[in-house]
Amino acid sequence: MATGSDKEREQEKVSTRKLQEEVGKRIRSIREEKGMNQTELAIKMNNRDRQVVQRLEKGKTNCSLNLLRLVAESLNVEIGELFKKV
């Protein structure tokens, strides 16, 4: 039987997943506006693997603020831009 706290934790996971997906869509949108491919962005992100960018854009990773800062710097935008709706 699920308790109230179990349901709250599950809702937190769902909310986090949605936010990851929204941020990922925004990263992809900005990257494409800048005419960059995933490999080019990964290289600008201190030679990260392209798969890092791919997972970010698909919302498949719960990334750190440091990684988001690096993405924003590599895209030459303020970090807040990554959280705007597409």
Protein backbone atom coordinates (compact mmCIF):
# COMPACT_ATOMS: atom_id res chain seq x y z
CA MET A 1 0.00 0.00 0.00
CA ALA A 2 1.39 3.39 -1.02
CA THR A 3 1.66 5.97 1.71
CA GLY A 4 1.22 9.70 1.31
CA SER A 5 4.99 10.20 1.25
CA ASP A 6 5.37 7.49 -1.42
CA LYS A 7 2.84 9.28 -3.60
CA GLU A 8 4.61 12.60 -3.01
CA ARG A 9 7.96 11.11 -4.02
CA GLU A 10 6.42 9.64 -7.16
CA GLN A 11 4.90 13.03 -8.02
CA GLU A 12 8.31 14.66 -7.49
CA LYS A 13 9.83 12.17 -9.94
CA VAL A 14 7.14 12.92 -12.52
CA SER A 15 7.63 16.68 -12.10
CA THR A 16 11.40 16.33 -12.38
CA ARG A 17 11.07 14.23 -15.54
CA LYS A 18 8.80 16.86 -17.12
CA LEU A 19 11.25 19.63 -16.24
CA GLN A 20 14.17 17.62 -17.67
CA GLU A 21 12.22 17.15 -20.91
CA GLU A 22 11.30 20.86 -21.13
CA VAL A 23 14.90 21.94 -20.51
CA GLY A 24 16.09 19.40 -23.07
CA LYS A 25 13.69 20.75 -25.71
CA ARG A 26 14.93 24.26 -24.98
CA ILE A 27 18.58 23.21 -25.27
CA ARG A 28 17.85 21.58 -28.63
CA SER A 29 15.92 24.63 -29.83
CA ILE A 30 18.69 27.06 -28.89
CA ARG A 31 21.37 24.78 -30.35
CA GLU A 32 19.50 24.55 -33.64
CA GLU A 33 18.90 28.34 -33.70
CA LYS A 34 22.68 28.74 -33.38
CA GLY A 35 23.21 26.34 -36.30
CA MET A 36 25.12 23.83 -34.19
CA ASN A 37 24.92 20.06 -34.21
CA GLN A 38 25.18 17.94 -31.06
CA THR A 39 28.84 17.16 -31.63
CA GLU A 40 29.75 20.84 -31.96
CA LEU A 41 27.94 21.65 -28.71
CA ALA A 42 29.61 18.73 -26.95
CA ILE A 43 33.04 19.97 -28.06
CA LYS A 44 32.26 23.48 -26.78
CA MET A 45 31.27 21.87 -23.48
CA ASN A 46 34.90 21.03 -22.71
CA ASN A 47 35.01 18.10 -25.13
CA ARG A 48 32.09 16.17 -23.67
CA ASP A 49 30.76 13.16 -25.53
CA ARG A 50 27.93 13.85 -27.98
CA GLN A 51 25.82 11.36 -26.04
CA VAL A 52 25.81 13.76 -23.08
CA VAL A 53 24.10 16.36 -25.28
CA GLN A 54 21.79 13.73 -26.70
CA ARG A 55 20.67 12.59 -23.23
CA LEU A 56 20.19 16.19 -22.09
CA GLU A 57 18.06 17.04 -25.10
CA LYS A 58 15.89 13.97 -24.61
CA GLY A 59 15.43 14.73 -20.92
CA LYS A 60 17.04 11.42 -20.01
CA THR A 61 19.48 12.72 -17.42
CA ASN A 62 19.12 14.55 -14.14
CA CYS A 63 22.03 16.90 -14.65
CA SER A 64 23.85 19.16 -12.25
CA LEU A 65 23.66 22.93 -12.20
CA ASN A 66 27.30 22.94 -13.22
CA LEU A 67 26.47 21.02 -16.41
CA LEU A 68 23.57 23.38 -17.16
CA ARG A 69 25.89 26.34 -16.61
CA LEU A 70 28.35 24.80 -19.06
CA VAL A 71 25.57 24.24 -21.62
CA ALA A 72 24.42 27.86 -21.28
CA GLU A 73 27.96 29.20 -21.62
CA SER A 74 28.58 26.99 -24.64
CA LEU A 75 25.38 28.25 -26.27
CA ASN A 76 26.25 31.82 -25.26
CA VAL A 77 22.98 32.36 -23.36
CA GLU A 78 22.04 33.10 -19.76
CA ILE A 79 21.22 29.95 -17.80
CA GLY A 80 17.64 31.18 -17.30
CA GLU A 81 17.09 30.83 -21.06
CA LEU A 82 17.27 27.06 -20.63
CA PHE A 83 14.14 27.14 -18.47
CA LYS A 84 11.88 29.11 -20.80
CA LYS A 85 9.08 27.27 -22.58
CA VAL A 86 9.73 26.30 -26.20
